[in-house]
Amino acid sequence: MNLFDQIPAHEPEELFTELFSNENVRIERIVSFGQKSADGFWYDQREGEWILMLEGSAQLRFEDGRIVDLTSGDTLNIPARCRHHVEKTAQDARTVWLAVFYKND
């Protein structure tokens, strides 16, 4: 599989494609087309999440006020239960993420 195959030019919703999973790890390709988290929504995941930004850009806000900008090639590890949301993704191009979710125990 090529991670850039079968991605449409634009969609009204983000696309989530599970690439691999077992009892400890889940790997997803996420494609955003300018989407962001809903106002007041926070991700609060039981799993840790390691992100690789493959294409495009995004901005994440953490509950502690920290803001992280990501562009192609950037990585970020988000520990389990670290509340965050997506402030924005690229408006003029698609954003392609590789997300690796992992158990901490």
C-alpha atoms as a PDB file:
ATOM      1  CA  MET A   1       0.000   0.000   0.000  1.00  0.00           C
ATOM      2  CA  ASN A   2       1.116   3.534  -0.723  1.00  0.00           C
ATOM      3  CA  LEU A   3      -0.021   5.949   1.997  1.00  0.00           C
ATOM      4  CA  PHE A   4      -0.986   8.542  -0.618  1.00  0.00           C
ATOM      5  CA  ASP A   5      -3.146   6.213  -2.728  1.00  0.00           C
ATOM      6  CA  GLN A   6      -6.914   6.622  -2.873  1.00  0.00           C
ATOM      7  CA  ILE A   7      -7.082  10.065  -1.294  1.00  0.00           C
ATOM      8  CA  PRO A   8      -9.693  12.296  -2.909  1.00  0.00           C
ATOM      9  CA  ALA A   9      -8.941  15.935  -3.648  1.00  0.00           C
ATOM     10  CA  HIS A  10     -11.477  17.113  -1.071  1.00  0.00           C
ATOM     11  CA  GLU A  11     -14.069  15.680   1.307  1.00  0.00           C
ATOM     12  CA  PRO A  12     -16.474  17.339   3.744  1.00  0.00           C
ATOM     13  CA  GLU A  13     -15.308  15.010   6.541  1.00  0.00           C
ATOM     14  CA  GLU A  14     -11.916  13.752   7.669  1.00  0.00           C
ATOM     15  CA  LEU A  15     -10.937  10.304   6.422  1.00  0.00           C
ATOM     16  CA  PHE A  16      -9.674   7.662   8.864  1.00  0.00           C
ATOM     17  CA  THR A  17      -8.071   4.498   7.488  1.00  0.00           C
ATOM     18  CA  GLU A  18      -6.842   1.813   9.875  1.00  0.00           C
ATOM     19  CA  LEU A  19      -3.623   0.372   8.465  1.00  0.00           C
ATOM     20  CA  PHE A  20      -2.691  -2.066  11.223  1.00  0.00           C
ATOM     21  CA  SER A  21      -3.824  -3.071  14.690  1.00  0.00           C
ATOM     22  CA  ASN A  22      -3.183  -5.624  17.383  1.00  0.00           C
ATOM     23  CA  GLU A  23      -3.773  -5.633  21.142  1.00  0.00           C
ATOM     24  CA  ASN A  24      -1.003  -3.059  21.769  1.00  0.00           C
ATOM     25  CA  VAL A  25      -0.774  -0.838  18.677  1.00  0.00           C
ATOM     26  CA  ARG A  26      -3.121   0.750  16.148  1.00  0.00           C
ATOM     27  CA  ILE A  27      -1.835   2.659  13.114  1.00  0.00           C
ATOM     28  CA  GLU A  28      -4.107   5.029  11.185  1.00  0.00           C
ATOM     29  CA  ARG A  29      -3.809   7.305   8.196  1.00  0.00           C
ATOM     30  CA  ILE A  30      -5.848  10.445   8.811  1.00  0.00           C
ATOM     31  CA  VAL A  31      -6.608  12.883   6.011  1.00  0.00           C
ATOM     32  CA  SER A  32      -7.949  16.334   6.841  1.00  0.00           C
ATOM     33  CA  PHE A  33      -9.315  18.879   4.394  1.00  0.00           C
ATOM     34  CA  GLY A  34      -9.377  21.983   6.587  1.00  0.00           C
ATOM     35  CA  GLN A  35     -11.261  20.339   9.445  1.00  0.00           C
ATOM     36  CA  LYS A  36     -10.679  21.138  13.102  1.00  0.00           C
ATOM     37  CA  SER A  37     -12.047  19.916  16.417  1.00  0.00           C
ATOM     38  CA  ALA A  38     -15.492  21.146  17.370  1.00  0.00           C
ATOM     39  CA  ASP A  39     -15.575  24.040  19.824  1.00  0.00           C
ATOM     40  CA  GLY A  40     -15.341  22.710  23.364  1.00  0.00           C
ATOM     41  CA  PHE A  41     -14.277  19.208  22.260  1.00  0.00           C
ATOM     42  CA  TRP A  42     -11.092  17.704  23.723  1.00  0.00           C
ATOM     43  CA  TYR A  43      -9.439  14.412  22.815  1.00  0.00           C
ATOM     44  CA  ASP A  44      -8.812  12.505  26.052  1.00  0.00           C
ATOM     45  CA  GLN A  45      -7.487   9.165  24.879  1.00  0.00           C
ATOM     46  CA  ARG A  46      -6.608   6.095  26.940  1.00  0.00           C
ATOM     47  CA  GLU A  47      -3.761   5.374  24.509  1.00  0.00           C
ATOM     48  CA  GLY A  48      -0.633   7.337  23.785  1.00  0.00           C
ATOM     49  CA  GLU A  49      -0.456   8.750  20.246  1.00  0.00           C
ATOM     50  CA  TRP A  50       2.649   9.326  18.146  1.00  0.00           C
ATOM     51  CA  ILE A  51       2.021  11.510  15.092  1.00  0.00           C
ATOM     52  CA  LEU A  52       4.010  11.937  11.888  1.00  0.00           C
ATOM     53  CA  MET A  53       2.813  14.774   9.653  1.00  0.00           C
ATOM     54  CA  LEU A  54       3.292  13.449   6.134  1.00  0.00           C
ATOM     55  CA  GLU A  55       1.798  16.332   4.156  1.00  0.00           C
ATOM     56  CA  GLY A  56       0.147  19.651   4.929  1.00  0.00           C
ATOM     57  CA  SER A  57      -0.014  21.344   8.298  1.00  0.00           C
ATOM     58  CA  ALA A  58      -1.959  21.453  11.537  1.00  0.00           C
ATOM     59  CA  GLN A  59      -2.057  23.244  14.838  1.00  0.00           C
ATOM     60  CA  LEU A  60      -2.835  21.425  18.095  1.00  0.00           C
ATOM     61  CA  ARG A  61      -3.823  23.077  21.364  1.00  0.00           C
ATOM     62  CA  PHE A  62      -3.291  21.339  24.680  1.00  0.00           C
ATOM     63  CA  GLU A  63      -5.374  21.855  27.800  1.00  0.00           C
ATOM     64  CA  ASP A  64      -2.378  23.447  29.535  1.00  0.00           C
ATOM     65  CA  GLY A  65      -2.423  26.216  26.880  1.00  0.00           C
ATOM     66  CA  ARG A  66       0.511  24.916  24.862  1.00  0.00           C
ATOM     67  CA  ILE A  67       0.155  25.248  21.083  1.00  0.00           C
ATOM     68  CA  VAL A  68       2.097  23.026  18.665  1.00  0.00           C
ATOM     69  CA  ASP A  69       2.367  23.719  14.944  1.00  0.00           C
ATOM     70  CA  LEU A  70       3.109  20.733  12.724  1.00  0.00           C
ATOM     71  CA  THR A  71       4.275  20.698   9.105  1.00  0.00           C
ATOM     72  CA  SER A  72       5.486  17.943   6.779  1.00  0.00           C
ATOM     73  CA  GLY A  73       8.056  15.741   8.488  1.00  0.00           C
ATOM     74  CA  ASP A  74       7.247  16.833  12.051  1.00  0.00           C
ATOM     75  CA  THR A  75       6.557  14.254  14.759  1.00  0.00           C
ATOM     76  CA  LEU A  76       4.844  14.594  18.102  1.00  0.00           C
ATOM     77  CA  ASN A  77       4.182  12.209  20.972  1.00  0.00           C
ATOM     78  CA  ILE A  78       0.987  12.786  22.939  1.00  0.00           C
ATOM     79  CA  PRO A  79       0.857  10.797  26.188  1.00  0.00           C
ATOM     80  CA  ALA A  80      -2.329   9.020  27.189  1.00  0.00           C
ATOM     81  CA  ARG A  81      -4.909  11.286  28.878  1.00  0.00           C
ATOM     82  CA  CYS A  82      -3.182  14.446  27.610  1.00  0.00           C
ATOM     83  CA  ARG A  83      -6.207  16.522  26.611  1.00  0.00           C
ATOM     84  CA  HIS A  84      -5.814  18.259  23.254  1.00  0.00           C
ATOM     85  CA  HIS A  85      -7.727  19.370  20.191  1.00  0.00           C
ATOM     86  CA  VAL A  86      -7.031  20.326  16.605  1.00  0.00           C
ATOM     87  CA  GLU A  87      -7.152  24.108  16.231  1.00  0.00           C
ATOM     88  CA  LYS A  88      -6.762  24.019  12.454  1.00  0.00           C
ATOM     89  CA  THR A  89      -5.497  22.085   9.464  1.00  0.00           C
ATOM     90  CA  ALA A  90      -4.370  23.427   6.097  1.00  0.00           C
ATOM     91  CA  GLN A  91      -7.232  25.180   4.313  1.00  0.00           C
ATOM     92  CA  ASP A  92      -5.717  25.212   0.831  1.00  0.00           C
ATOM     93  CA  ALA A  93      -4.362  21.648   0.740  1.00  0.00           C
ATOM     94  CA  ARG A  94      -4.975  18.260   2.274  1.00  0.00           C
ATOM     95  CA  THR A  95      -3.262  17.280   5.510  1.00  0.00           C
ATOM     96  CA  VAL A  96      -2.079  13.676   5.787  1.00  0.00           C
ATOM     97  CA  TRP A  97      -1.223  12.308   9.229  1.00  0.00           C
ATOM     98  CA  LEU A  98       0.183   8.957  10.282  1.00  0.00           C
ATOM     99  CA  ALA A  99      -1.001   8.248  13.833  1.00  0.00           C
ATOM    100  CA  VAL A 100       0.366   5.391  15.930  1.00  0.00           C
ATOM    101  CA  PHE A 101      -1.759   4.689  19.016  1.00  0.00           C
ATOM    102  CA  TYR A 102      -0.085   2.592  21.712  1.00  0.00           C
ATOM    103  CA  LYS A 103      -0.884   1.219  25.132  1.00  0.00           C
ATOM    104  CA  ASN A 104       1.165   2.455  28.064  1.00  0.00           C
ATOM    105  CA  ASP A 105       0.747  -0.566  30.319  1.00  0.00           C
END
